[in-house]
Amino acid sequence: METLYHQTNYLIQETSELFSKLDKDPSNYEGIENAIQSKINAISANCEKLDIYVFKAPISQRPIAKMRVDQLKYDNKHIQASLAAAQNRRQRREQELKDREQLLSRRFGHDHTSINVDYLGQEQVSLQNSHRNVDEMIHTGSNILETLKYNRETLKGAHRRIIDLANTLGLSNATISLIERRVSQDKYILFGGMFVTLAVITLVIMYLT
């Protein structure tokens, strides 16, 4: 299990490095995006195998092993969301460029006189950029909220596993209470982060519109 865990963790690191290549070499987006998706699929397959190993592990080791696998799943989920966001930005840029070229190629003919519509093209591009920024903020905010929701479920699961582990190890009630208070504090921090995120997204959308 340890070998597979470290292999999967290394795959996550490699995938993160591919995003840097995607930013530096956008012209080769197809090959890089396919490589990222391939590693995401490999990570998912490894996590499924690790889940099986977790259930085969000794009872006293399962909570910690489960937390480690859940972290790998969370990282992989974040990578998938980042890939979707990168693809969405690229497709929008391509569509904007295509629309601008089509608009600038139009000419109004009258007595063999043509009027270039470059100014109108710039206005449309500016408007499209504003819409794109709003859409990207909404998309990014949705990904953040989804991540926070996943973290909340992870915290709840971790809380249950920690209490089970504490009972298994025979820790005192005072120690268990201390753990529960710490989990409650993490929960408040999570909710605070969600509130701040929503507030920022709302203000940005109001400003851009």
N, C-alpha and C. Protein backbone atom coordinates (compact mmCIF):
# COMPACT_ATOMS: atom_id res chain seq x y z
N MET A 1 0.83 -1.21 0.00
CA MET A 1 0.00 0.00 0.00
C MET A 1 0.87 1.26 0.00
N GLU A 2 1.95 1.25 0.78
CA GLU A 2 2.81 2.42 0.87
C GLU A 2 3.41 2.77 -0.49
N THR A 3 3.83 1.73 -1.23
CA THR A 3 4.42 1.97 -2.55
C THR A 3 3.42 2.63 -3.49
N LEU A 4 2.20 2.10 -3.51
CA LEU A 4 1.16 2.65 -4.38
C LEU A 4 0.80 4.07 -3.96
N TYR A 5 0.77 4.31 -2.66
CA TYR A 5 0.46 5.66 -2.16
C TYR A 5 1.49 6.67 -2.65
N HIS A 6 2.77 6.33 -2.51
CA HIS A 6 3.83 7.26 -2.93
C HIS A 6 3.84 7.43 -4.45
N GLN A 7 3.54 6.36 -5.20
CA GLN A 7 3.44 6.49 -6.65
C GLN A 7 2.32 7.45 -7.04
N THR A 8 1.20 7.34 -6.36
CA THR A 8 0.07 8.21 -6.65
C THR A 8 0.38 9.66 -6.29
N ASN A 9 1.03 9.85 -5.17
CA ASN A 9 1.42 11.20 -4.75
C ASN A 9 2.39 11.82 -5.75
N TYR A 10 3.27 11.00 -6.30
CA TYR A 10 4.22 11.49 -7.31
C TYR A 10 3.49 11.87 -8.60
N LEU A 11 2.46 11.09 -8.96
CA LEU A 11 1.65 11.43 -10.13
C LEU A 11 0.99 12.79 -9.97
N ILE A 12 0.53 13.08 -8.77
CA ILE A 12 -0.10 14.38 -8.51
C ILE A 12 0.91 15.51 -8.70
N GLN A 13 2.13 15.30 -8.23
CA GLN A 13 3.17 16.32 -8.40
C GLN A 13 3.50 16.52 -9.88
N GLU A 14 3.59 15.43 -10.62
CA GLU A 14 3.86 15.53 -12.06
C GLU A 14 2.75 16.29 -12.77
N THR A 15 1.51 16.01 -12.39
CA THR A 15 0.37 16.67 -13.02
C THR A 15 0.39 18.17 -12.76
N SER A 16 0.74 18.56 -11.55
CA SER A 16 0.83 19.99 -11.23
C SER A 16 1.89 20.68 -12.08
N GLU A 17 2.99 19.99 -12.35
CA GLU A 17 4.05 20.56 -13.18
C GLU A 17 3.58 20.74 -14.62
N LEU A 18 2.67 19.87 -15.08
CA LEU A 18 2.17 19.99 -16.45
C LEU A 18 1.37 21.28 -16.64
N PHE A 19 0.72 21.76 -15.59
CA PHE A 19 -0.03 23.02 -15.70
C PHE A 19 0.93 24.18 -15.97
N SER A 20 2.12 24.13 -15.41
CA SER A 20 3.12 25.17 -15.68
C SER A 20 3.53 25.13 -17.15
N LYS A 21 3.69 23.93 -17.69
CA LYS A 21 4.03 23.79 -19.11
C LYS A 21 2.89 24.32 -19.98
N LEU A 22 1.66 24.09 -19.54
CA LEU A 22 0.51 24.55 -20.31
C LEU A 22 0.48 26.07 -20.39
N ASP A 23 0.86 26.74 -19.31
CA ASP A 23 0.91 28.20 -19.31
C ASP A 23 2.04 28.74 -20.18
N LYS A 24 3.17 28.03 -20.18
CA LYS A 24 4.33 28.50 -20.94
C LYS A 24 4.23 28.16 -22.42
N ASP A 25 3.54 27.09 -22.75
CA ASP A 25 3.45 26.65 -24.15
C ASP A 25 1.99 26.37 -24.52
N PRO A 26 1.16 27.42 -24.62
CA PRO A 26 -0.26 27.22 -24.92
C PRO A 26 -0.52 26.64 -26.31
N SER A 27 0.46 26.80 -27.21
CA SER A 27 0.27 26.27 -28.57
C SER A 27 0.21 24.75 -28.58
N ASN A 28 0.81 24.13 -27.56
CA ASN A 28 0.82 22.66 -27.47
C ASN A 28 -0.22 22.18 -26.47
N TYR A 29 -1.35 22.92 -26.40
CA TYR A 29 -2.36 22.63 -25.38
C TYR A 29 -2.95 21.23 -25.51
N GLU A 30 -3.13 20.77 -26.74
CA GLU A 30 -3.81 19.48 -26.92
C GLU A 30 -3.04 18.34 -26.28
N GLY A 31 -1.74 18.28 -26.56
CA GLY A 31 -0.92 17.21 -26.00
C GLY A 31 -0.80 17.30 -24.49
N ILE A 32 -0.65 18.53 -23.98
CA ILE A 32 -0.49 18.71 -22.53
C ILE A 32 -1.79 18.40 -21.81
N GLU A 33 -2.93 18.86 -22.34
CA GLU A 33 -4.22 18.58 -21.70
C GLU A 33 -4.52 17.09 -21.70
N ASN A 34 -4.17 16.40 -22.79
CA ASN A 34 -4.37 14.95 -22.83
C ASN A 34 -3.49 14.25 -21.80
N ALA A 35 -2.26 14.74 -21.63
CA ALA A 35 -1.35 14.15 -20.64
C ALA A 35 -1.89 14.35 -19.23
N ILE A 36 -2.44 15.55 -18.97
CA ILE A 36 -3.01 15.83 -17.65
C ILE A 36 -4.19 14.91 -17.38
N GLN A 37 -5.09 14.77 -18.37
CA GLN A 37 -6.26 13.92 -18.18
C GLN A 37 -5.86 12.47 -17.97
N SER A 38 -4.82 12.03 -18.69
CA SER A 38 -4.35 10.66 -18.53
C SER A 38 -3.84 10.41 -17.11
N LYS A 39 -3.13 11.37 -16.56
CA LYS A 39 -2.63 11.22 -15.18
C LYS A 39 -3.78 11.28 -14.18
N ILE A 40 -4.78 12.11 -14.45
CA ILE A 40 -5.95 12.17 -13.57
C ILE A 40 -6.63 10.80 -13.52
N ASN A 41 -6.77 10.18 -14.68
CA ASN A 41 -7.39 8.85 -14.73
C ASN A 41 -6.55 7.82 -13.98
N ALA A 42 -5.24 7.93 -14.11
CA ALA A 42 -4.35 6.99 -13.40
C ALA A 42 -4.45 7.19 -11.89
N ILE A 43 -4.53 8.44 -11.46
CA ILE A 43 -4.67 8.72 -10.02
C ILE A 43 -5.98 8.16 -9.49
N SER A 44 -7.06 8.33 -10.25
CA SER A 44 -8.37 7.81 -9.83
C SER A 44 -8.32 6.29 -9.69
N ALA A 45 -7.68 5.62 -10.67
CA ALA A 45 -7.57 4.16 -10.61
C ALA A 45 -6.76 3.72 -9.39
N ASN A 46 -5.68 4.44 -9.11
CA ASN A 46 -4.86 4.10 -7.94
C ASN A 46 -5.62 4.31 -6.64
N CYS A 47 -6.44 5.36 -6.59
CA CYS A 47 -7.23 5.62 -5.37
C CYS A 47 -8.23 4.50 -5.12
N GLU A 48 -8.79 3.96 -6.20
CA GLU A 48 -9.72 2.84 -6.04
C GLU A 48 -9.00 1.62 -5.46
N LYS A 49 -7.78 1.38 -5.92
CA LYS A 49 -7.00 0.27 -5.37
C LYS A 49 -6.64 0.53 -3.91
N LEU A 50 -6.30 1.79 -3.61
CA LEU A 50 -5.94 2.13 -2.24
C LEU A 50 -7.12 1.96 -1.29
N ASP A 51 -8.33 2.24 -1.78
CA ASP A 51 -9.52 2.03 -0.95
C ASP A 51 -9.63 0.56 -0.52
N ILE A 52 -9.30 -0.33 -1.43
CA ILE A 52 -9.35 -1.76 -1.11
C ILE A 52 -8.30 -2.10 -0.05
N TYR A 53 -7.10 -1.53 -0.21
CA TYR A 53 -6.04 -1.78 0.77
C TYR A 53 -6.42 -1.24 2.15
N VAL A 54 -7.14 -0.12 2.17
CA VAL A 54 -7.55 0.47 3.46
C VAL A 54 -8.42 -0.51 4.23
N PHE A 55 -9.38 -1.12 3.55
CA PHE A 55 -10.28 -2.06 4.23
C PHE A 55 -9.57 -3.35 4.64
N LYS A 56 -8.44 -3.64 4.00
CA LYS A 56 -7.68 -4.82 4.37
C LYS A 56 -6.67 -4.53 5.49
N ALA A 57 -6.45 -3.25 5.77
CA ALA A 57 -5.48 -2.87 6.80
C ALA A 57 -6.02 -3.19 8.19
N PRO A 58 -5.14 -3.33 9.19
CA PRO A 58 -5.60 -3.54 10.57
C PRO A 58 -6.52 -2.41 11.01
N ILE A 59 -7.47 -2.73 11.87
CA ILE A 59 -8.48 -1.75 12.29
C ILE A 59 -7.84 -0.50 12.87
N SER A 60 -6.78 -0.66 13.65
CA SER A 60 -6.14 0.49 14.29
C SER A 60 -5.47 1.42 13.28
N GLN A 61 -5.15 0.90 12.08
CA GLN A 61 -4.47 1.71 11.07
C GLN A 61 -5.42 2.30 10.03
N ARG A 62 -6.66 1.83 10.01
CA ARG A 62 -7.59 2.26 8.96
C ARG A 62 -7.89 3.76 8.96
N PRO A 63 -8.17 4.38 10.13
CA PRO A 63 -8.52 5.81 10.09
C PRO A 63 -7.44 6.68 9.45
N ILE A 64 -6.19 6.47 9.82
CA ILE A 64 -5.10 7.26 9.26
C ILE A 64 -4.93 6.96 7.77
N ALA A 65 -5.01 5.67 7.42
CA ALA A 65 -4.87 5.29 6.01
C ALA A 65 -5.99 5.90 5.18
N LYS A 66 -7.20 5.90 5.73
CA LYS A 66 -8.35 6.47 5.02
C LYS A 66 -8.17 7.96 4.80
N MET A 67 -7.66 8.67 5.80
CA MET A 67 -7.43 10.11 5.68
C MET A 67 -6.41 10.41 4.58
N ARG A 68 -5.38 9.60 4.48
CA ARG A 68 -4.35 9.82 3.46
C ARG A 68 -4.92 9.60 2.06
N VAL A 69 -5.74 8.58 1.90
CA VAL A 69 -6.35 8.32 0.60
C VAL A 69 -7.34 9.42 0.24
N ASP A 70 -8.10 9.89 1.23
CA ASP A 70 -9.05 10.98 0.99
C ASP A 70 -8.33 12.25 0.53
N GLN A 71 -7.14 12.49 1.06
CA GLN A 71 -6.37 13.66 0.65
C GLN A 71 -5.95 13.53 -0.81
N LEU A 72 -5.56 12.32 -1.22
CA LEU A 72 -5.22 12.09 -2.63
C LEU A 72 -6.43 12.35 -3.52
N LYS A 73 -7.60 11.89 -3.09
CA LYS A 73 -8.81 12.11 -3.87
C LYS A 73 -9.13 13.59 -3.98
N TYR A 74 -8.95 14.30 -2.87
CA TYR A 74 -9.21 15.74 -2.88
C TYR A 74 -8.26 16.46 -3.85
N ASP A 75 -6.98 16.11 -3.80
CA ASP A 75 -6.00 16.73 -4.70
C ASP A 75 -6.36 16.44 -6.16
N ASN A 76 -6.78 15.21 -6.43
CA ASN A 76 -7.14 14.84 -7.79
C ASN A 76 -8.39 15.59 -8.26
N LYS A 77 -9.33 15.77 -7.36
CA LYS A 77 -10.54 16.53 -7.68
C LYS A 77 -10.20 17.98 -8.00
N HIS A 78 -9.27 18.54 -7.25
CA HIS A 78 -8.84 19.92 -7.50
C HIS A 78 -8.14 20.02 -8.85
N ILE A 79 -7.33 19.03 -9.19
CA ILE A 79 -6.63 19.03 -10.48
C ILE A 79 -7.64 18.96 -11.63
N GLN A 80 -8.66 18.12 -11.48
CA GLN A 80 -9.69 18.00 -12.52
C GLN A 80 -10.41 19.33 -12.72
N ALA A 81 -10.72 20.01 -11.62
CA ALA A 81 -11.38 21.31 -11.71
C ALA A 81 -10.47 22.34 -12.38
N SER A 82 -9.19 22.30 -12.08
CA SER A 82 -8.23 23.23 -12.69
C SER A 82 -8.11 22.99 -14.18
N LEU A 83 -8.13 21.73 -14.59
CA LEU A 83 -8.07 21.41 -16.02
C LEU A 83 -9.31 21.92 -16.73
N ALA A 84 -10.48 21.72 -16.13
CA ALA A 84 -11.72 22.20 -16.74
C ALA A 84 -11.71 23.72 -16.88
N ALA A 85 -11.19 24.41 -15.86
CA ALA A 85 -11.12 25.87 -15.91
C ALA A 85 -10.16 26.34 -17.01
N ALA A 86 -9.02 25.65 -17.14
CA ALA A 86 -8.04 26.01 -18.17
C ALA A 86 -8.62 25.79 -19.56
N GLN A 87 -9.32 24.69 -19.75
CA GLN A 87 -9.94 24.42 -21.05
C GLN A 87 -11.02 25.45 -21.36
N ASN A 88 -11.78 25.83 -20.35
CA ASN A 88 -12.83 26.82 -20.55
C ASN A 88 -12.26 28.17 -20.95
N ARG A 89 -11.16 28.58 -20.30
CA ARG A 89 -10.51 29.85 -20.66
C ARG A 89 -9.97 29.80 -22.08
N ARG A 90 -9.35 28.69 -22.44
CA ARG A 90 -8.79 28.58 -23.79
C ARG A 90 -9.88 28.65 -24.84
N GLN A 91 -10.97 27.92 -24.63
CA GLN A 91 -12.05 27.92 -25.60
C GLN A 91 -12.68 29.30 -25.75
N ARG A 92 -12.77 30.04 -24.65
CA ARG A 92 -13.32 31.40 -24.72
C ARG A 92 -12.39 32.32 -25.51
N ARG A 93 -11.10 32.19 -25.27
CA ARG A 93 -10.14 33.02 -26.02
C ARG A 93 -10.21 32.71 -27.51
N GLU A 94 -10.30 31.44 -27.84
CA GLU A 94 -10.38 31.06 -29.25
C GLU A 94 -11.66 31.60 -29.89
N GLN A 95 -12.78 31.51 -29.18
CA GLN A 95 -14.04 32.00 -29.71
C GLN A 95 -14.02 33.52 -29.87
N GLU A 96 -13.43 34.22 -28.90
CA GLU A 96 -13.34 35.68 -28.99
C GLU A 96 -12.50 36.10 -30.18
N LEU A 97 -11.38 35.41 -30.39
CA LEU A 97 -10.52 35.73 -31.52
C LEU A 97 -11.24 35.47 -32.83
N LYS A 98 -11.97 34.37 -32.89
CA LYS A 98 -12.72 34.04 -34.10
C LYS A 98 -13.81 35.08 -34.37
N ASP A 99 -14.53 35.47 -33.32
CA ASP A 99 -15.59 36.46 -33.48
C ASP A 99 -15.02 37.80 -33.92
N ARG A 100 -13.89 38.17 -33.35
CA ARG A 100 -13.28 39.46 -33.71
C ARG A 100 -12.83 39.46 -35.16
N GLU A 101 -12.22 38.36 -35.60
CA GLU A 101 -11.77 38.29 -36.99
C GLU A 101 -12.94 38.36 -37.95
N GLN A 102 -14.04 37.68 -37.60
CA GLN A 102 -15.22 37.73 -38.46
C GLN A 102 -15.80 39.13 -38.52
N LEU A 103 -15.82 39.80 -37.37
CA LEU A 103 -16.39 41.14 -37.32
C LEU A 103 -15.55 42.13 -38.11
N LEU A 104 -14.23 42.04 -37.98
CA LEU A 104 -13.34 42.96 -38.67
C LEU A 104 -13.31 42.71 -40.17
N SER A 105 -13.69 41.52 -40.60
CA SER A 105 -13.69 41.21 -42.03
C SER A 105 -14.93 41.73 -42.74
N ARG A 106 -15.92 42.14 -41.96
CA ARG A 106 -17.15 42.65 -42.57
C ARG A 106 -16.95 44.10 -43.03
N ARG A 107 -17.44 44.40 -44.19
CA ARG A 107 -17.37 45.77 -44.71
C ARG A 107 -18.72 46.12 -45.32
N PHE A 108 -19.13 47.36 -45.12
CA PHE A 108 -20.39 47.82 -45.67
C PHE A 108 -20.11 48.49 -47.02
N GLY A 109 -20.63 47.92 -48.10
CA GLY A 109 -20.35 48.46 -49.43
C GLY A 109 -21.43 49.40 -49.94
N HIS A 110 -21.04 50.55 -50.48
CA HIS A 110 -21.97 51.51 -51.11
C HIS A 110 -21.17 52.33 -52.11
N ASP A 111 -21.49 52.14 -53.38
CA ASP A 111 -20.75 52.81 -54.45
C ASP A 111 -19.27 52.48 -54.35
N HIS A 112 -19.02 51.19 -54.12
CA HIS A 112 -17.65 50.69 -54.04
C HIS A 112 -16.85 51.33 -52.90
N THR A 113 -17.56 51.87 -51.91
CA THR A 113 -16.90 52.46 -50.74
C THR A 113 -17.07 51.52 -49.56
N SER A 114 -16.03 51.28 -48.85
CA SER A 114 -16.10 50.35 -47.72
C SER A 114 -15.77 51.08 -46.43
N ILE A 115 -16.41 50.67 -45.36
CA ILE A 115 -16.17 51.24 -44.04
C ILE A 115 -15.65 50.15 -43.12
N ASN A 116 -14.47 50.31 -42.62
CA ASN A 116 -13.89 49.33 -41.71
C ASN A 116 -14.56 49.45 -40.35
N VAL A 117 -14.87 48.33 -39.78
CA VAL A 117 -15.61 48.33 -38.51
C VAL A 117 -14.69 47.96 -37.35
N ASP A 118 -13.46 48.42 -37.41
CA ASP A 118 -12.51 48.09 -36.35
C ASP A 118 -12.96 48.62 -34.99
N TYR A 119 -13.52 49.83 -34.99
CA TYR A 119 -13.97 50.41 -33.72
C TYR A 119 -15.06 49.56 -33.10
N LEU A 120 -16.03 49.15 -33.95
CA LEU A 120 -17.10 48.29 -33.44
C LEU A 120 -16.55 46.97 -32.94
N GLY A 121 -15.53 46.48 -33.63
CA GLY A 121 -14.92 45.23 -33.20
C GLY A 121 -14.27 45.36 -31.84
N GLN A 122 -13.60 46.48 -31.61
CA GLN A 122 -12.98 46.70 -30.31
C GLN A 122 -14.02 46.79 -29.20
N GLU A 123 -15.15 47.45 -29.51
CA GLU A 123 -16.21 47.56 -28.51
C GLU A 123 -16.77 46.18 -28.16
N GLN A 124 -16.95 45.36 -29.18
CA GLN A 124 -17.50 44.03 -28.92
C GLN A 124 -16.52 43.18 -28.13
N VAL A 125 -15.24 43.28 -28.49
CA VAL A 125 -14.23 42.51 -27.77
C VAL A 125 -14.18 42.93 -26.31
N SER A 126 -14.27 44.25 -26.07
CA SER A 126 -14.27 44.75 -24.70
C SER A 126 -15.46 44.21 -23.92
N LEU A 127 -16.62 44.21 -24.57
CA LEU A 127 -17.82 43.69 -23.91
C LEU A 127 -17.69 42.20 -23.64
N GLN A 128 -17.14 41.47 -24.61
CA GLN A 128 -16.95 40.03 -24.43
C GLN A 128 -15.97 39.75 -23.29
N ASN A 129 -14.93 40.58 -23.19
CA ASN A 129 -13.97 40.40 -22.10
C ASN A 129 -14.63 40.58 -20.75
N SER A 130 -15.52 41.57 -20.66
CA SER A 130 -16.22 41.80 -19.40
C SER A 130 -17.09 40.61 -19.05
N HIS A 131 -17.81 40.10 -20.05
CA HIS A 131 -18.66 38.93 -19.82
C HIS A 131 -17.81 37.72 -19.45
N ARG A 132 -16.67 37.60 -20.12
CA ARG A 132 -15.80 36.46 -19.83
C ARG A 132 -15.28 36.53 -18.40
N ASN A 133 -14.90 37.74 -17.97
CA ASN A 133 -14.39 37.89 -16.61
C ASN A 133 -15.45 37.52 -15.57
N VAL A 134 -16.69 37.95 -15.83
CA VAL A 134 -17.77 37.60 -14.91
C VAL A 134 -18.00 36.10 -14.89
N ASP A 135 -18.02 35.48 -16.09
CA ASP A 135 -18.25 34.04 -16.18
C ASP A 135 -17.13 33.27 -15.48
N GLU A 136 -15.89 33.74 -15.66
CA GLU A 136 -14.76 33.05 -15.03
C GLU A 136 -14.82 33.20 -13.51
N MET A 137 -15.25 34.38 -13.04
CA MET A 137 -15.38 34.56 -11.59
C MET A 137 -16.45 33.62 -11.03
N ILE A 138 -17.57 33.51 -11.76
CA ILE A 138 -18.63 32.61 -11.31
C ILE A 138 -18.15 31.17 -11.32
N HIS A 139 -17.44 30.80 -12.41
CA HIS A 139 -16.94 29.43 -12.52
C HIS A 139 -15.92 29.14 -11.42
N THR A 140 -15.01 30.09 -11.20
CA THR A 140 -14.00 29.91 -10.15
C THR A 140 -14.65 29.83 -8.78
N GLY A 141 -15.64 30.72 -8.55
CA GLY A 141 -16.35 30.69 -7.28
C GLY A 141 -17.06 29.38 -7.05
N SER A 142 -17.66 28.84 -8.12
CA SER A 142 -18.35 27.55 -8.00
C SER A 142 -17.37 26.45 -7.64
N ASN A 143 -16.18 26.47 -8.27
CA ASN A 143 -15.16 25.47 -7.94
C ASN A 143 -14.70 25.60 -6.50
N ILE A 144 -14.55 26.87 -6.04
CA ILE A 144 -14.11 27.08 -4.65
C ILE A 144 -15.16 26.56 -3.68
N LEU A 145 -16.44 26.88 -3.96
CA LEU A 145 -17.51 26.42 -3.07
C LEU A 145 -17.61 24.90 -3.08
N GLU A 146 -17.41 24.30 -4.26
CA GLU A 146 -17.45 22.84 -4.34
C GLU A 146 -16.31 22.23 -3.53
N THR A 147 -15.14 22.87 -3.61
CA THR A 147 -13.99 22.40 -2.84
C THR A 147 -14.24 22.55 -1.34
N LEU A 148 -14.82 23.69 -0.94
CA LEU A 148 -15.14 23.89 0.48
C LEU A 148 -16.16 22.87 0.96
N LYS A 149 -17.14 22.57 0.11
CA LYS A 149 -18.13 21.56 0.48
C LYS A 149 -17.46 20.20 0.66
N TYR A 150 -16.54 19.87 -0.25
CA TYR A 150 -15.82 18.60 -0.14
C TYR A 150 -14.98 18.57 1.13
N ASN A 151 -14.35 19.73 1.44
CA ASN A 151 -13.56 19.80 2.68
C ASN A 151 -14.43 19.59 3.90
N ARG A 152 -15.65 20.14 3.85
CA ARG A 152 -16.56 19.98 4.99
C ARG A 152 -16.89 18.51 5.21
N GLU A 153 -17.18 17.80 4.13
CA GLU A 153 -17.47 16.38 4.26
C GLU A 153 -16.24 15.62 4.74
N THR A 154 -15.06 16.05 4.25
CA THR A 154 -13.83 15.40 4.69
C THR A 154 -13.59 15.62 6.18
N LEU A 155 -13.86 16.85 6.65
CA LEU A 155 -13.69 17.14 8.07
C LEU A 155 -14.64 16.30 8.93
N LYS A 156 -15.89 16.17 8.45
CA LYS A 156 -16.85 15.36 9.20
C LYS A 156 -16.39 13.91 9.27
N GLY A 157 -15.92 13.39 8.12
CA GLY A 157 -15.44 12.02 8.12
C GLY A 157 -14.21 11.85 8.98
N ALA A 158 -13.30 12.85 8.91
CA ALA A 158 -12.09 12.78 9.73
C ALA A 158 -12.44 12.83 11.21
N HIS A 159 -13.45 13.63 11.55
CA HIS A 159 -13.88 13.73 12.95
C HIS A 159 -14.34 12.37 13.46
N ARG A 160 -15.17 11.72 12.66
CA ARG A 160 -15.67 10.40 13.08
C ARG A 160 -14.52 9.40 13.22
N ARG A 161 -13.60 9.43 12.26
CA ARG A 161 -12.50 8.47 12.31
C ARG A 161 -11.56 8.74 13.48
N ILE A 162 -11.33 10.03 13.77
CA ILE A 162 -10.46 10.36 14.90
C ILE A 162 -11.07 9.90 16.22
N ILE A 163 -12.38 10.11 16.38
CA ILE A 163 -13.05 9.68 17.60
C ILE A 163 -12.99 8.16 17.73
N ASP A 164 -13.23 7.46 16.59
CA ASP A 164 -13.15 6.00 16.62
C ASP A 164 -11.75 5.54 16.99
N LEU A 165 -10.75 6.23 16.40
CA LEU A 165 -9.37 5.87 16.70
C LEU A 165 -9.05 6.14 18.16
N ALA A 166 -9.55 7.27 18.67
CA ALA A 166 -9.31 7.61 20.08
C ALA A 166 -9.92 6.56 21.00
N ASN A 167 -11.14 6.14 20.68
CA ASN A 167 -11.78 5.11 21.50
C ASN A 167 -11.01 3.80 21.43
N THR A 168 -10.52 3.50 20.21
CA THR A 168 -9.76 2.26 20.05
C THR A 168 -8.48 2.28 20.87
N LEU A 169 -7.83 3.45 20.90
CA LEU A 169 -6.57 3.57 21.64
C LEU A 169 -6.79 3.80 23.12
N GLY A 170 -8.05 4.02 23.53
CA GLY A 170 -8.36 4.20 24.94
C GLY A 170 -7.96 5.55 25.49
N LEU A 171 -8.09 6.61 24.67
CA LEU A 171 -7.74 7.94 25.16
C LEU A 171 -8.78 8.42 26.16
N SER A 172 -8.40 9.37 27.00
CA SER A 172 -9.29 9.88 28.03
C SER A 172 -10.37 10.75 27.42
N ASN A 173 -11.44 10.95 28.20
CA ASN A 173 -12.54 11.81 27.74
C ASN A 173 -12.07 13.24 27.52
N ALA A 174 -11.13 13.70 28.34
CA ALA A 174 -10.62 15.06 28.18
C ALA A 174 -9.91 15.22 26.84
N THR A 175 -9.14 14.21 26.46
CA THR A 175 -8.44 14.27 25.18
C THR A 175 -9.42 14.25 24.02
N ILE A 176 -10.43 13.40 24.12
CA ILE A 176 -11.45 13.32 23.07
C ILE A 176 -12.20 14.65 22.97
N SER A 177 -12.51 15.27 24.10
CA SER A 177 -13.20 16.57 24.09
C SER A 177 -12.33 17.63 23.42
N LEU A 178 -11.03 17.57 23.67
CA LEU A 178 -10.11 18.52 23.05
C LEU A 178 -10.10 18.36 21.54
N ILE A 179 -10.12 17.12 21.08
CA ILE A 179 -10.16 16.84 19.64
C ILE A 179 -11.46 17.38 19.04
N GLU A 180 -12.58 17.16 19.74
CA GLU A 180 -13.87 17.63 19.24
C GLU A 180 -13.90 19.15 19.15
N ARG A 181 -13.32 19.84 20.14
CA ARG A 181 -13.29 21.30 20.09
C ARG A 181 -12.47 21.79 18.91
N ARG A 182 -11.36 21.10 18.63
CA ARG A 182 -10.51 21.50 17.50
C ARG A 182 -11.27 21.31 16.19
N VAL A 183 -12.00 20.22 16.06
CA VAL A 183 -12.78 19.98 14.85
C VAL A 183 -13.86 21.05 14.69
N SER A 184 -14.49 21.44 15.81
CA SER A 184 -15.51 22.50 15.76
C SER A 184 -14.90 23.82 15.30
N GLN A 185 -13.69 24.12 15.78
CA GLN A 185 -13.02 25.34 15.34
C GLN A 185 -12.73 25.30 13.85
N ASP A 186 -12.30 24.15 13.35
CA ASP A 186 -12.05 24.02 11.91
C ASP A 186 -13.34 24.23 11.12
N LYS A 187 -14.46 23.78 11.69
CA LYS A 187 -15.75 23.94 11.01
C LYS A 187 -16.11 25.42 10.89
N TYR A 188 -15.87 26.18 11.96
CA TYR A 188 -16.16 27.62 11.91
C TYR A 188 -15.27 28.32 10.88
N ILE A 189 -14.03 27.92 10.83
CA ILE A 189 -13.11 28.49 9.84
C ILE A 189 -13.60 28.19 8.43
N LEU A 190 -14.08 26.97 8.20
CA LEU A 190 -14.59 26.57 6.89
C LEU A 190 -15.79 27.42 6.50
N PHE A 191 -16.75 27.56 7.42
CA PHE A 191 -17.94 28.37 7.13
C PHE A 191 -17.57 29.83 6.90
N GLY A 192 -16.60 30.33 7.66
CA GLY A 192 -16.15 31.70 7.47
C GLY A 192 -15.55 31.90 6.08
N GLY A 193 -14.77 30.91 5.64
CA GLY A 193 -14.19 30.98 4.30
C GLY A 193 -15.25 30.98 3.22
N MET A 194 -16.29 30.17 3.40
CA MET A 194 -17.38 30.13 2.43
C MET A 194 -18.10 31.48 2.36
N PHE A 195 -18.33 32.10 3.52
CA PHE A 195 -19.02 33.39 3.55
C PHE A 195 -18.19 34.47 2.86
N VAL A 196 -16.89 34.51 3.17
CA VAL A 196 -16.02 35.51 2.56
C VAL A 196 -15.94 35.31 1.05
N THR A 197 -15.86 34.05 0.60
CA THR A 197 -15.80 33.76 -0.83
C THR A 197 -17.04 34.25 -1.54
N LEU A 198 -18.21 33.97 -0.98
CA LEU A 198 -19.46 34.43 -1.58
C LEU A 198 -19.52 35.95 -1.63
N ALA A 199 -19.07 36.60 -0.56
CA ALA A 199 -19.10 38.06 -0.52
C ALA A 199 -18.20 38.67 -1.59
N VAL A 200 -17.00 38.11 -1.75
CA VAL A 200 -16.06 38.63 -2.75
C VAL A 200 -16.62 38.43 -4.16
N ILE A 201 -17.17 37.24 -4.43
CA ILE A 201 -17.73 36.97 -5.76
C ILE A 201 -18.87 37.94 -6.06
N THR A 202 -19.74 38.17 -5.07
CA THR A 202 -20.87 39.09 -5.26
C THR A 202 -20.39 40.50 -5.57
N LEU A 203 -19.40 40.99 -4.82
CA LEU A 203 -18.87 42.34 -5.04
C LEU A 203 -18.22 42.47 -6.41
N VAL A 204 -17.47 41.45 -6.84
CA VAL A 204 -16.81 41.50 -8.14
C VAL A 204 -17.83 41.52 -9.26
N ILE A 205 -18.86 40.68 -9.15
CA ILE A 205 -19.90 40.65 -10.18
C ILE A 205 -20.63 41.99 -10.25
N MET A 206 -20.93 42.58 -9.08
CA MET A 206 -21.60 43.88 -9.06
C MET A 206 -20.72 44.96 -9.69
N TYR A 207 -19.41 44.87 -9.46
CA TYR A 207 -18.49 45.86 -10.01
C TYR A 207 -18.37 45.73 -11.52
N LEU A 208 -18.26 44.49 -12.02
CA LEU A 208 -18.06 44.27 -13.45
C LEU A 208 -19.32 44.51 -14.27
N THR A 209 -20.48 44.36 -13.61
CA THR A 209 -21.72 44.57 -14.34
C THR A 209 -22.26 45.98 -14.14
